[in-house]
């Protein structure tokens, strides 16, 4: 009886081993993209990628915070291959949470400038936006403007319009000031800007432009991308707002104008890693970068591609080459500094 039992046990173990080494069925040729971006141009690019490669693009759209939380909750079972989001601070946050992995790509190494990608190649910038000062030309001249730091000067009292401290663009701008000027100087700057606000922060970047044109303030801090949106809006009032301001690129005499990005990284547990890298390479290609530049009023990260005619009309500018990783690293300090200064 013992011998019979042993033979049965051995057979069960052998059967179990056979099951473990059984080859899994080949997965469909696909890439699963979690994206914060919601533009028609992106959808068209995804369709082009499908047509050119035969790789099906499955898209999940949600806010950046929702996507990061979703990936965290899904863990090793996450189907995500690529995370696309806006602002370097969020990309750094995703990396810090262990949601991304290294993507080795000769093309991306050669194409994306060092300051526009993660040191471990966990994420890569795809597009750039400059955070500029816009002004009412009837009340302000370009000669009146110089740097972000100058916005704390009392001469701007009750003249500045800017959105809330909860906005990631403002957090990243302050993070860059912390990195460039130090925490003490950044704290004083923040207090100075709060003292110079024309109103309590509210609305998005487009609302700040509209408020300048409406006479609520004389200058505002906004991303260039939104100016393009206003000028090409189907709403005549938005077009009027875009036409009613002038653009100034700060800090041209020293480090350059602060920029931020949208970017992509390969998900930590990507089931289709090779496809994910191929997808990001496509988005950084000349073909895709030209679409981003023309359709979304963003600056290309690929140096072989020129900005759109609209952006080119604003002139060339020196950009801050600070590693965008610093924006994420200094985010908590920026949030605390805003609180200390009473920036709502």
C-alpha atoms as a PDB file:
ATOM      1  CA  UNK A   1       0.000   0.000   0.000  1.00  0.00           C
ATOM      2  CA  UNK A   2       2.882   2.302   0.866  1.00  0.00           C
ATOM      3  CA  UNK A   3       4.551   1.546  -2.457  1.00  0.00           C
ATOM      4  CA  UNK A   4       1.347   2.293  -4.348  1.00  0.00           C
ATOM      5  CA  UNK A   5       0.939   5.599  -2.503  1.00  0.00           C
ATOM      6  CA  UNK A   6       4.542   6.581  -3.346  1.00  0.00           C
ATOM      7  CA  UNK A   7       4.035   5.859  -7.039  1.00  0.00           C
ATOM      8  CA  UNK A   8       0.873   7.988  -7.058  1.00  0.00           C
ATOM      9  CA  UNK A   9       2.703  10.832  -5.318  1.00  0.00           C
ATOM     10  CA  UNK A  10       5.577  10.730  -7.814  1.00  0.00           C
ATOM     11  CA  UNK A  11       3.124  10.762 -10.702  1.00  0.00           C
ATOM     12  CA  UNK A  12       1.339  13.791  -9.249  1.00  0.00           C
ATOM     13  CA  UNK A  13       4.625  15.683  -8.874  1.00  0.00           C
ATOM     14  CA  UNK A  14       5.624  14.865 -12.457  1.00  0.00           C
ATOM     15  CA  UNK A  15       2.226  16.015 -13.719  1.00  0.00           C
ATOM     16  CA  UNK A  16       2.523  19.199 -11.689  1.00  0.00           C
ATOM     17  CA  UNK A  17       5.962  19.934 -13.167  1.00  0.00           C
ATOM     18  CA  UNK A  18       4.625  19.384 -16.657  1.00  0.00           C
ATOM     19  CA  UNK A  19       1.922  21.981 -16.009  1.00  0.00           C
ATOM     20  CA  UNK A  20       4.499  24.540 -14.834  1.00  0.00           C
ATOM     21  CA  UNK A  21       6.606  24.346 -17.980  1.00  0.00           C
ATOM     22  CA  UNK A  22       3.631  24.326 -20.318  1.00  0.00           C
ATOM     23  CA  UNK A  23       4.115  27.125 -22.883  1.00  0.00           C
ATOM     24  CA  UNK A  24       1.731  30.031 -22.517  1.00  0.00           C
ATOM     25  CA  UNK A  25      -0.271  31.099 -25.562  1.00  0.00           C
ATOM     26  CA  UNK A  26       1.230  33.986 -27.568  1.00  0.00           C
ATOM     27  CA  UNK A  27      -0.293  37.313 -26.566  1.00  0.00           C
ATOM     28  CA  UNK A  28      -1.847  39.657 -29.067  1.00  0.00           C
ATOM     29  CA  UNK A  29       0.605  42.169 -30.546  1.00  0.00           C
ATOM     30  CA  UNK A  30      -0.396  45.175 -28.465  1.00  0.00           C
ATOM     31  CA  UNK A  31       0.680  47.996 -26.179  1.00  0.00           C
ATOM     32  CA  UNK A  32      -1.431  49.247 -23.270  1.00  0.00           C
ATOM     33  CA  UNK A  33      -1.148  52.994 -22.760  1.00  0.00           C
ATOM     34  CA  UNK A  34      -2.250  54.827 -19.601  1.00  0.00           C
ATOM     35  CA  UNK A  35      -2.366  58.499 -20.576  1.00  0.00           C
ATOM     36  CA  UNK A  36      -3.261  61.802 -18.982  1.00  0.00           C
ATOM     37  CA  UNK A  37      -3.232  63.529 -22.378  1.00  0.00           C
ATOM     38  CA  UNK A  38      -6.585  63.811 -24.144  1.00  0.00           C
ATOM     39  CA  UNK A  39      -5.838  65.488 -27.451  1.00  0.00           C
ATOM     40  CA  UNK A  40      -7.110  64.557 -30.895  1.00  0.00           C
ATOM     41  CA  UNK A  41      -3.554  64.732 -32.238  1.00  0.00           C
ATOM     42  CA  UNK A  42      -2.501  62.002 -29.806  1.00  0.00           C
ATOM     43  CA  UNK A  43      -5.311  59.732 -30.999  1.00  0.00           C
ATOM     44  CA  UNK A  44      -4.239  60.284 -34.592  1.00  0.00           C
ATOM     45  CA  UNK A  45      -0.643  59.436 -33.720  1.00  0.00           C
ATOM     46  CA  UNK A  46      -1.720  56.248 -31.964  1.00  0.00           C
ATOM     47  CA  UNK A  47      -3.639  55.254 -35.105  1.00  0.00           C
ATOM     48  CA  UNK A  48      -0.573  55.964 -37.255  1.00  0.00           C
ATOM     49  CA  UNK A  49       1.588  53.810 -34.971  1.00  0.00           C
ATOM     50  CA  UNK A  50      -0.903  50.957 -35.282  1.00  0.00           C
ATOM     51  CA  UNK A  51      -0.908  51.233 -39.061  1.00  0.00           C
ATOM     52  CA  UNK A  52       2.882  51.386 -39.372  1.00  0.00           C
ATOM     53  CA  UNK A  53       3.744  48.625 -36.880  1.00  0.00           C
ATOM     54  CA  UNK A  54       0.695  46.375 -36.655  1.00  0.00           C
ATOM     55  CA  UNK A  55       0.791  46.854 -32.872  1.00  0.00           C
ATOM     56  CA  UNK A  56      -2.649  47.588 -31.416  1.00  0.00           C
ATOM     57  CA  UNK A  57      -2.756  50.560 -29.020  1.00  0.00           C
ATOM     58  CA  UNK A  58      -5.151  50.134 -26.086  1.00  0.00           C
ATOM     59  CA  UNK A  59      -5.742  53.445 -24.311  1.00  0.00           C
ATOM     60  CA  UNK A  60      -6.845  54.201 -20.755  1.00  0.00           C
ATOM     61  CA  UNK A  61      -7.550  57.917 -20.196  1.00  0.00           C
ATOM     62  CA  UNK A  62      -7.705  59.492 -16.741  1.00  0.00           C
ATOM     63  CA  UNK A  63      -6.075  62.235 -14.680  1.00  0.00           C
ATOM     64  CA  UNK A  64      -2.420  61.771 -13.770  1.00  0.00           C
ATOM     65  CA  UNK A  65      -3.186  61.151 -10.099  1.00  0.00           C
ATOM     66  CA  UNK A  66      -5.865  58.599 -10.983  1.00  0.00           C
ATOM     67  CA  UNK A  67      -3.525  56.722 -13.320  1.00  0.00           C
ATOM     68  CA  UNK A  68      -0.704  56.649 -10.776  1.00  0.00           C
ATOM     69  CA  UNK A  69      -3.116  55.375  -8.116  1.00  0.00           C
ATOM     70  CA  UNK A  70      -4.519  52.794 -10.533  1.00  0.00           C
ATOM     71  CA  UNK A  71      -1.049  51.437 -11.306  1.00  0.00           C
ATOM     72  CA  UNK A  72      -0.193  51.344  -7.601  1.00  0.00           C
ATOM     73  CA  UNK A  73      -3.375  49.407  -6.799  1.00  0.00           C
ATOM     74  CA  UNK A  74      -2.939  46.972  -9.692  1.00  0.00           C
ATOM     75  CA  UNK A  75       0.644  46.193  -8.712  1.00  0.00           C
ATOM     76  CA  UNK A  76       2.204  43.239 -10.546  1.00  0.00           C
ATOM     77  CA  UNK A  77      -1.150  42.532 -12.210  1.00  0.00           C
ATOM     78  CA  UNK A  78      -1.201  45.894 -13.971  1.00  0.00           C
ATOM     79  CA  UNK A  79      -1.684  45.605 -17.747  1.00  0.00           C
ATOM     80  CA  UNK A  80      -0.082  49.035 -18.261  1.00  0.00           C
ATOM     81  CA  UNK A  81       2.880  49.129 -20.645  1.00  0.00           C
ATOM     82  CA  UNK A  82       3.323  52.906 -20.927  1.00  0.00           C
ATOM     83  CA  UNK A  83       2.448  55.842 -18.657  1.00  0.00           C
ATOM     84  CA  UNK A  84       2.075  59.246 -20.342  1.00  0.00           C
ATOM     85  CA  UNK A  85       1.499  62.305 -18.198  1.00  0.00           C
ATOM     86  CA  UNK A  86       2.059  66.045 -18.021  1.00  0.00           C
ATOM     87  CA  UNK A  87       4.662  67.693 -15.773  1.00  0.00           C
ATOM     88  CA  UNK A  88       8.037  66.298 -14.773  1.00  0.00           C
ATOM     89  CA  UNK A  89       6.979  66.370 -11.124  1.00  0.00           C
ATOM     90  CA  UNK A  90       4.394  63.674 -11.804  1.00  0.00           C
ATOM     91  CA  UNK A  91       6.868  61.569 -13.777  1.00  0.00           C
ATOM     92  CA  UNK A  92       9.317  61.711 -10.866  1.00  0.00           C
ATOM     93  CA  UNK A  93       6.471  60.781  -8.503  1.00  0.00           C
ATOM     94  CA  UNK A  94       5.644  57.720 -10.612  1.00  0.00           C
ATOM     95  CA  UNK A  95       9.290  56.646 -10.550  1.00  0.00           C
ATOM     96  CA  UNK A  96       9.572  57.179  -6.787  1.00  0.00           C
ATOM     97  CA  UNK A  97       6.528  54.948  -6.297  1.00  0.00           C
ATOM     98  CA  UNK A  98       8.255  52.186  -8.246  1.00  0.00           C
ATOM     99  CA  UNK A  99       5.798  52.307 -11.129  1.00  0.00           C
ATOM    100  CA  UNK A 100       8.355  52.690 -13.944  1.00  0.00           C
ATOM    101  CA  UNK A 101      11.395  50.771 -15.173  1.00  0.00           C
ATOM    102  CA  UNK A 102      14.553  51.408 -17.185  1.00  0.00           C
ATOM    103  CA  UNK A 103      14.019  51.547 -20.950  1.00  0.00           C
ATOM    104  CA  UNK A 104      17.224  50.989 -22.894  1.00  0.00           C
ATOM    105  CA  UNK A 105      16.994  52.653 -26.298  1.00  0.00           C
ATOM    106  CA  UNK A 106      19.826  53.915 -28.473  1.00  0.00           C
ATOM    107  CA  UNK A 107      17.375  56.155 -30.329  1.00  0.00           C
ATOM    108  CA  UNK A 108      15.968  57.781 -27.178  1.00  0.00           C
ATOM    109  CA  UNK A 109      19.466  58.213 -25.730  1.00  0.00           C
ATOM    110  CA  UNK A 110      20.534  60.088 -28.852  1.00  0.00           C
ATOM    111  CA  UNK A 111      17.311  62.064 -29.363  1.00  0.00           C
ATOM    112  CA  UNK A 112      16.176  63.283 -25.917  1.00  0.00           C
ATOM    113  CA  UNK A 113      18.507  65.854 -24.268  1.00  0.00           C
ATOM    114  CA  UNK A 114      19.964  64.818 -20.923  1.00  0.00           C
ATOM    115  CA  UNK A 115      18.041  67.377 -18.857  1.00  0.00           C
ATOM    116  CA  UNK A 116      14.745  66.229 -20.412  1.00  0.00           C
ATOM    117  CA  UNK A 117      14.916  62.605 -19.263  1.00  0.00           C
ATOM    118  CA  UNK A 118      15.344  60.553 -16.127  1.00  0.00           C
ATOM    119  CA  UNK A 119      18.900  59.690 -15.118  1.00  0.00           C
ATOM    120  CA  UNK A 120      17.933  55.986 -15.088  1.00  0.00           C
ATOM    121  CA  UNK A 121      15.901  56.223 -18.308  1.00  0.00           C
ATOM    122  CA  UNK A 122      12.670  55.608 -16.394  1.00  0.00           C
ATOM    123  CA  UNK A 123      10.960  58.400 -18.331  1.00  0.00           C
ATOM    124  CA  UNK A 124      11.537  60.655 -21.334  1.00  0.00           C
ATOM    125  CA  UNK A 125      10.111  64.053 -22.275  1.00  0.00           C
ATOM    126  CA  UNK A 126       7.936  64.120 -25.397  1.00  0.00           C
ATOM    127  CA  UNK A 127       6.921  67.791 -25.600  1.00  0.00           C
ATOM    128  CA  UNK A 128       7.889  71.067 -23.919  1.00  0.00           C
ATOM    129  CA  UNK A 129       5.943  74.080 -22.687  1.00  0.00           C
ATOM    130  CA  UNK A 130       7.582  77.300 -21.489  1.00  0.00           C
ATOM    131  CA  UNK A 131       6.177  79.041 -18.394  1.00  0.00           C
ATOM    132  CA  UNK A 132       6.203  82.673 -19.434  1.00  0.00           C
ATOM    133  CA  UNK A 133       4.983  86.075 -18.346  1.00  0.00           C
ATOM    134  CA  UNK A 134       2.174  87.608 -20.408  1.00  0.00           C
ATOM    135  CA  UNK A 135       1.355  91.281 -20.123  1.00  0.00           C
ATOM    136  CA  UNK A 136      -1.111  93.975 -21.135  1.00  0.00           C
ATOM    137  CA  UNK A 137       0.876  96.084 -23.640  1.00  0.00           C
ATOM    138  CA  UNK A 138      -1.194  99.165 -22.732  1.00  0.00           C
ATOM    139  CA  UNK A 139       0.084  99.048 -19.149  1.00  0.00           C
ATOM    140  CA  UNK A 140       3.403  97.209 -19.322  1.00  0.00           C
ATOM    141  CA  UNK A 141       6.363  97.138 -21.732  1.00  0.00           C
ATOM    142  CA  UNK A 142       8.896  94.373 -22.262  1.00  0.00           C
ATOM    143  CA  UNK A 143      11.518  96.682 -20.724  1.00  0.00           C
ATOM    144  CA  UNK A 144       9.578  96.560 -17.431  1.00  0.00           C
ATOM    145  CA  UNK A 145      10.103  92.783 -17.220  1.00  0.00           C
ATOM    146  CA  UNK A 146      13.196  90.703 -16.570  1.00  0.00           C
ATOM    147  CA  UNK A 147      13.099  87.600 -14.345  1.00  0.00           C
ATOM    148  CA  UNK A 148      10.774  85.439 -12.285  1.00  0.00           C
ATOM    149  CA  UNK A 149      12.604  86.781  -9.250  1.00  0.00           C
ATOM    150  CA  UNK A 150      11.619  90.334 -10.209  1.00  0.00           C
ATOM    151  CA  UNK A 151       7.938  89.453  -9.734  1.00  0.00           C
ATOM    152  CA  UNK A 152       8.500  89.804  -5.978  1.00  0.00           C
ATOM    153  CA  UNK A 153       9.437  93.475  -6.392  1.00  0.00           C
ATOM    154  CA  UNK A 154       6.890  95.863  -4.773  1.00  0.00           C
ATOM    155  CA  UNK A 155       6.491  97.661  -8.130  1.00  0.00           C
ATOM    156  CA  UNK A 156       4.131  94.802  -9.095  1.00  0.00           C
ATOM    157  CA  UNK A 157       1.860  95.205  -6.059  1.00  0.00           C
ATOM    158  CA  UNK A 158      -1.747  94.253  -6.939  1.00  0.00           C
ATOM    159  CA  UNK A 159      -0.733  93.659 -10.562  1.00  0.00           C
ATOM    160  CA  UNK A 160       0.065  89.925 -10.782  1.00  0.00           C
ATOM    161  CA  UNK A 161      -2.384  87.185 -11.792  1.00  0.00           C
ATOM    162  CA  UNK A 162      -1.443  83.557 -11.227  1.00  0.00           C
ATOM    163  CA  UNK A 163      -3.218  80.316 -10.426  1.00  0.00           C
ATOM    164  CA  UNK A 164      -3.251  78.432  -7.107  1.00  0.00           C
ATOM    165  CA  UNK A 165      -0.414  76.763  -5.244  1.00  0.00           C
ATOM    166  CA  UNK A 166      -2.163  73.424  -5.737  1.00  0.00           C
ATOM    167  CA  UNK A 167      -1.381  73.605  -9.441  1.00  0.00           C
ATOM    168  CA  UNK A 168       1.503  71.326 -10.453  1.00  0.00           C
ATOM    169  CA  UNK A 169       2.849  73.897 -12.954  1.00  0.00           C
ATOM    170  CA  UNK A 170       3.328  76.447 -10.186  1.00  0.00           C
ATOM    171  CA  UNK A 171       4.787  73.801  -7.881  1.00  0.00           C
ATOM    172  CA  UNK A 172       7.350  72.903 -10.534  1.00  0.00           C
ATOM    173  CA  UNK A 173       8.173  76.564 -11.198  1.00  0.00           C
ATOM    174  CA  UNK A 174       8.841  77.094  -7.485  1.00  0.00           C
ATOM    175  CA  UNK A 175      10.800  73.820  -7.355  1.00  0.00           C
ATOM    176  CA  UNK A 176      13.060  75.210 -10.100  1.00  0.00           C
ATOM    177  CA  UNK A 177      13.546  78.450  -8.140  1.00  0.00           C
ATOM    178  CA  UNK A 178      14.472  76.415  -5.050  1.00  0.00           C
ATOM    179  CA  UNK A 179      17.011  74.472  -7.130  1.00  0.00           C
ATOM    180  CA  UNK A 180      18.478  77.600  -8.723  1.00  0.00           C
ATOM    181  CA  UNK A 181      18.303  80.172  -5.912  1.00  0.00           C
ATOM    182  CA  UNK A 182      18.077  78.163  -2.677  1.00  0.00           C
ATOM    183  CA  UNK A 183      15.236  77.606  -0.190  1.00  0.00           C
ATOM    184  CA  UNK A 184      15.619  80.883   1.689  1.00  0.00           C
ATOM    185  CA  UNK A 185      15.493  83.009  -1.463  1.00  0.00           C
ATOM    186  CA  UNK A 186      12.572  80.941  -2.782  1.00  0.00           C
ATOM    187  CA  UNK A 187      10.614  81.547   0.423  1.00  0.00           C
ATOM    188  CA  UNK A 188      11.144  85.304   0.193  1.00  0.00           C
ATOM    189  CA  UNK A 189      10.172  85.240  -3.475  1.00  0.00           C
ATOM    190  CA  UNK A 190       6.955  83.401  -2.725  1.00  0.00           C
ATOM    191  CA  UNK A 191       5.997  85.868  -0.019  1.00  0.00           C
ATOM    192  CA  UNK A 192       6.733  88.751  -2.385  1.00  0.00           C
ATOM    193  CA  UNK A 193       4.541  87.342  -5.160  1.00  0.00           C
ATOM    194  CA  UNK A 194       1.667  86.760  -2.725  1.00  0.00           C
ATOM    195  CA  UNK A 195       1.933  90.411  -1.644  1.00  0.00           C
ATOM    196  CA  UNK A 196       1.780  91.491  -5.292  1.00  0.00           C
ATOM    197  CA  UNK A 197      -1.248  89.439  -6.361  1.00  0.00           C
ATOM    198  CA  UNK A 198      -4.092  91.365  -7.954  1.00  0.00           C
ATOM    199  CA  UNK A 199      -6.593  88.826  -6.617  1.00  0.00           C
ATOM    200  CA  UNK A 200      -6.711  85.534  -4.770  1.00  0.00           C
ATOM    201  CA  UNK A 201      -5.564  82.715  -7.096  1.00  0.00           C
ATOM    202  CA  UNK A 202      -8.344  81.067  -9.092  1.00  0.00           C
ATOM    203  CA  UNK A 203      -8.939  79.495 -12.488  1.00  0.00           C
ATOM    204  CA  UNK A 204      -6.575  77.914 -14.993  1.00  0.00           C
ATOM    205  CA  UNK A 205      -3.897  79.527 -17.157  1.00  0.00           C
ATOM    206  CA  UNK A 206      -6.394  80.636 -19.790  1.00  0.00           C
ATOM    207  CA  UNK A 207      -8.405  82.384 -17.066  1.00  0.00           C
ATOM    208  CA  UNK A 208      -5.315  84.360 -16.051  1.00  0.00           C
ATOM    209  CA  UNK A 209      -4.918  85.645 -19.618  1.00  0.00           C
ATOM    210  CA  UNK A 210      -8.591  86.589 -19.794  1.00  0.00           C
ATOM    211  CA  UNK A 211      -8.250  88.449 -16.500  1.00  0.00           C
ATOM    212  CA  UNK A 212      -5.283  90.454 -17.810  1.00  0.00           C
ATOM    213  CA  UNK A 213      -7.304  91.529 -20.858  1.00  0.00           C
ATOM    214  CA  UNK A 214     -10.282  92.328 -18.610  1.00  0.00           C
ATOM    215  CA  UNK A 215      -8.099  94.676 -16.566  1.00  0.00           C
ATOM    216  CA  UNK A 216      -8.039  92.649 -13.328  1.00  0.00           C
ATOM    217  CA  UNK A 217      -4.247  92.666 -13.364  1.00  0.00           C
ATOM    218  CA  UNK A 218      -1.390  93.754 -15.604  1.00  0.00           C
ATOM    219  CA  UNK A 219       0.689  90.575 -15.919  1.00  0.00           C
ATOM    220  CA  UNK A 220       0.199  86.831 -15.511  1.00  0.00           C
ATOM    221  CA  UNK A 221       2.305  83.667 -15.406  1.00  0.00           C
ATOM    222  CA  UNK A 222       1.119  81.000 -17.869  1.00  0.00           C
ATOM    223  CA  UNK A 223       2.268  78.128 -20.046  1.00  0.00           C
ATOM    224  CA  UNK A 224       2.792  78.911 -23.742  1.00  0.00           C
ATOM    225  CA  UNK A 225       0.603  75.942 -24.688  1.00  0.00           C
ATOM    226  CA  UNK A 226      -2.497  77.743 -23.391  1.00  0.00           C
ATOM    227  CA  UNK A 227      -1.828  80.862 -25.429  1.00  0.00           C
ATOM    228  CA  UNK A 228      -1.872  78.710 -28.547  1.00  0.00           C
ATOM    229  CA  UNK A 229      -5.171  77.219 -27.403  1.00  0.00           C
ATOM    230  CA  UNK A 230      -6.694  80.665 -26.930  1.00  0.00           C
ATOM    231  CA  UNK A 231      -5.556  82.000 -30.292  1.00  0.00           C
ATOM    232  CA  UNK A 232      -6.949  78.965 -32.094  1.00  0.00           C
ATOM    233  CA  UNK A 233     -10.172  78.655 -30.110  1.00  0.00           C
ATOM    234  CA  UNK A 234     -13.588  78.511 -31.760  1.00  0.00           C
ATOM    235  CA  UNK A 235     -14.741  80.972 -29.099  1.00  0.00           C
ATOM    236  CA  UNK A 236     -14.238  84.592 -30.319  1.00  0.00           C
ATOM    237  CA  UNK A 237     -13.841  85.817 -26.734  1.00  0.00           C
ATOM    238  CA  UNK A 238     -10.924  83.441 -26.162  1.00  0.00           C
ATOM    239  CA  UNK A 239      -9.278  84.524 -29.408  1.00  0.00           C
ATOM    240  CA  UNK A 240      -9.682  88.140 -28.314  1.00  0.00           C
ATOM    241  CA  UNK A 241      -8.009  87.302 -24.983  1.00  0.00           C
ATOM    242  CA  UNK A 242      -5.082  85.650 -26.753  1.00  0.00           C
ATOM    243  CA  UNK A 243      -4.658  88.623 -29.050  1.00  0.00           C
ATOM    244  CA  UNK A 244      -4.819  91.099 -26.179  1.00  0.00           C
ATOM    245  CA  UNK A 245      -1.537  90.120 -24.520  1.00  0.00           C
ATOM    246  CA  UNK A 246       2.176  90.006 -25.331  1.00  0.00           C
ATOM    247  CA  UNK A 247       4.591  87.251 -24.331  1.00  0.00           C
ATOM    248  CA  UNK A 248       7.825  87.683 -22.374  1.00  0.00           C
ATOM    249  CA  UNK A 249      10.414  84.949 -21.777  1.00  0.00           C
ATOM    250  CA  UNK A 250      11.935  85.507 -18.295  1.00  0.00           C
ATOM    251  CA  UNK A 251      15.554  85.070 -17.189  1.00  0.00           C
ATOM    252  CA  UNK A 252      17.122  85.382 -20.614  1.00  0.00           C
ATOM    253  CA  UNK A 253      20.121  87.124 -19.052  1.00  0.00           C
ATOM    254  CA  UNK A 254      20.982  84.183 -16.806  1.00  0.00           C
ATOM    255  CA  UNK A 255      19.689  80.588 -16.540  1.00  0.00           C
ATOM    256  CA  UNK A 256      16.839  80.841 -19.052  1.00  0.00           C
ATOM    257  CA  UNK A 257      13.069  80.401 -19.011  1.00  0.00           C
ATOM    258  CA  UNK A 258      11.565  77.589 -16.967  1.00  0.00           C
ATOM    259  CA  UNK A 259      10.128  74.770 -19.046  1.00  0.00           C
ATOM    260  CA  UNK A 260       8.017  71.769 -18.260  1.00  0.00           C
ATOM    261  CA  UNK A 261       7.099  68.720 -20.274  1.00  0.00           C
ATOM    262  CA  UNK A 262       4.743  65.940 -21.042  1.00  0.00           C
ATOM    263  CA  UNK A 263       6.563  62.640 -21.000  1.00  0.00           C
ATOM    264  CA  UNK A 264       6.344  58.865 -21.044  1.00  0.00           C
ATOM    265  CA  UNK A 265       7.860  55.915 -19.239  1.00  0.00           C
ATOM    266  CA  UNK A 266       7.695  52.134 -19.467  1.00  0.00           C
ATOM    267  CA  UNK A 267       5.506  50.674 -16.709  1.00  0.00           C
ATOM    268  CA  UNK A 268       7.239  48.574 -14.049  1.00  0.00           C
ATOM    269  CA  UNK A 269       5.348  45.375 -14.877  1.00  0.00           C
ATOM    270  CA  UNK A 270       4.801  46.025 -18.604  1.00  0.00           C
ATOM    271  CA  UNK A 271       3.674  42.761 -20.231  1.00  0.00           C
ATOM    272  CA  UNK A 272       4.724  44.168 -23.629  1.00  0.00           C
ATOM    273  CA  UNK A 273       7.991  45.956 -22.812  1.00  0.00           C
ATOM    274  CA  UNK A 274       9.506  45.776 -26.297  1.00  0.00           C
ATOM    275  CA  UNK A 275       6.345  47.256 -27.797  1.00  0.00           C
ATOM    276  CA  UNK A 276       6.310  49.938 -25.101  1.00  0.00           C
ATOM    277  CA  UNK A 277       9.832  51.082 -25.989  1.00  0.00           C
ATOM    278  CA  UNK A 278       8.993  51.018 -29.699  1.00  0.00           C
ATOM    279  CA  UNK A 279       5.895  53.148 -28.966  1.00  0.00           C
ATOM    280  CA  UNK A 280       7.847  55.795 -27.015  1.00  0.00           C
ATOM    281  CA  UNK A 281      10.506  55.863 -29.741  1.00  0.00           C
ATOM    282  CA  UNK A 282       7.766  56.555 -32.270  1.00  0.00           C
ATOM    283  CA  UNK A 283       6.425  59.470 -30.205  1.00  0.00           C
ATOM    284  CA  UNK A 284       9.932  60.958 -30.112  1.00  0.00           C
ATOM    285  CA  UNK A 285      10.428  60.471 -33.862  1.00  0.00           C
ATOM    286  CA  UNK A 286      10.494  63.348 -36.321  1.00  0.00           C
ATOM    287  CA  UNK A 287       7.142  62.215 -37.753  1.00  0.00           C
ATOM    288  CA  UNK A 288       5.316  62.351 -34.414  1.00  0.00           C
ATOM    289  CA  UNK A 289       7.132  65.431 -33.106  1.00  0.00           C
ATOM    290  CA  UNK A 290       5.965  67.462 -36.094  1.00  0.00           C
ATOM    291  CA  UNK A 291       2.378  66.535 -35.244  1.00  0.00           C
ATOM    292  CA  UNK A 292       2.821  67.550 -31.602  1.00  0.00           C
ATOM    293  CA  UNK A 293       4.386  70.851 -32.641  1.00  0.00           C
ATOM    294  CA  UNK A 294       1.703  71.821 -35.149  1.00  0.00           C
ATOM    295  CA  UNK A 295      -1.428  70.491 -33.478  1.00  0.00           C
ATOM    296  CA  UNK A 296      -0.869  71.091 -29.761  1.00  0.00           C
ATOM    297  CA  UNK A 297       1.180  74.320 -29.690  1.00  0.00           C
ATOM    298  CA  UNK A 298       4.008  72.551 -27.853  1.00  0.00           C
ATOM    299  CA  UNK A 299       7.750  72.767 -28.407  1.00  0.00           C
ATOM    300  CA  UNK A 300       9.350  69.606 -29.824  1.00  0.00           C
ATOM    301  CA  UNK A 301      12.030  67.734 -27.872  1.00  0.00           C
ATOM    302  CA  UNK A 302      13.528  66.328 -31.072  1.00  0.00           C
ATOM    303  CA  UNK A 303      16.063  68.883 -32.333  1.00  0.00           C
ATOM    304  CA  UNK A 304      15.386  67.846 -35.939  1.00  0.00           C
ATOM    305  CA  UNK A 305      11.900  69.371 -35.682  1.00  0.00           C
ATOM    306  CA  UNK A 306      11.121  73.088 -35.721  1.00  0.00           C
ATOM    307  CA  UNK A 307       8.390  74.718 -33.621  1.00  0.00           C
ATOM    308  CA  UNK A 308       5.116  75.581 -35.339  1.00  0.00           C
ATOM    309  CA  UNK A 309       4.774  78.894 -37.171  1.00  0.00           C
ATOM    310  CA  UNK A 310       2.833  80.351 -34.228  1.00  0.00           C
ATOM    311  CA  UNK A 311       5.476  79.463 -31.646  1.00  0.00           C
ATOM    312  CA  UNK A 312       8.246  80.584 -33.993  1.00  0.00           C
ATOM    313  CA  UNK A 313       6.505  83.973 -34.257  1.00  0.00           C
ATOM    314  CA  UNK A 314       7.099  84.483 -30.540  1.00  0.00           C
ATOM    315  CA  UNK A 315      10.849  84.287 -31.136  1.00  0.00           C
ATOM    316  CA  UNK A 316      13.597  82.000 -29.925  1.00  0.00           C
ATOM    317  CA  UNK A 317      14.508  81.868 -26.267  1.00  0.00           C
ATOM    318  CA  UNK A 318      17.069  80.428 -23.893  1.00  0.00           C
ATOM    319  CA  UNK A 319      15.594  77.619 -21.803  1.00  0.00           C
ATOM    320  CA  UNK A 320      16.630  76.620 -18.316  1.00  0.00           C
ATOM    321  CA  UNK A 321      18.708  73.411 -18.659  1.00  0.00           C
ATOM    322  CA  UNK A 322      18.078  72.383 -15.051  1.00  0.00           C
ATOM    323  CA  UNK A 323      17.524  68.625 -14.865  1.00  0.00           C
ATOM    324  CA  UNK A 324      13.764  68.158 -14.682  1.00  0.00           C
ATOM    325  CA  UNK A 325      14.314  65.493 -12.056  1.00  0.00           C
ATOM    326  CA  UNK A 326      14.946  68.397  -9.675  1.00  0.00           C
ATOM    327  CA  UNK A 327      11.344  69.511 -10.119  1.00  0.00           C
ATOM    328  CA  UNK A 328      10.111  66.272  -8.595  1.00  0.00           C
ATOM    329  CA  UNK A 329      12.795  66.169  -5.928  1.00  0.00           C
ATOM    330  CA  UNK A 330      11.882  69.679  -4.737  1.00  0.00           C
ATOM    331  CA  UNK A 331       8.106  69.301  -5.012  1.00  0.00           C
ATOM    332  CA  UNK A 332       7.472  68.750  -1.289  1.00  0.00           C
ATOM    333  CA  UNK A 333       9.669  71.722  -0.420  1.00  0.00           C
ATOM    334  CA  UNK A 334       7.723  73.833  -2.908  1.00  0.00           C
ATOM    335  CA  UNK A 335       4.360  72.854  -1.411  1.00  0.00           C
ATOM    336  CA  UNK A 336       5.630  73.663   2.097  1.00  0.00           C
ATOM    337  CA  UNK A 337       7.022  77.005   0.923  1.00  0.00           C
ATOM    338  CA  UNK A 338       3.665  77.931  -0.606  1.00  0.00           C
ATOM    339  CA  UNK A 339       1.973  77.147   2.728  1.00  0.00           C
ATOM    340  CA  UNK A 340       4.449  79.267   4.678  1.00  0.00           C
ATOM    341  CA  UNK A 341       3.849  82.228   2.358  1.00  0.00           C
ATOM    342  CA  UNK A 342       0.062  81.884   2.467  1.00  0.00           C
ATOM    343  CA  UNK A 343      -0.235  81.231  -1.270  1.00  0.00           C
ATOM    344  CA  UNK A 344      -3.747  79.804  -1.587  1.00  0.00           C
END
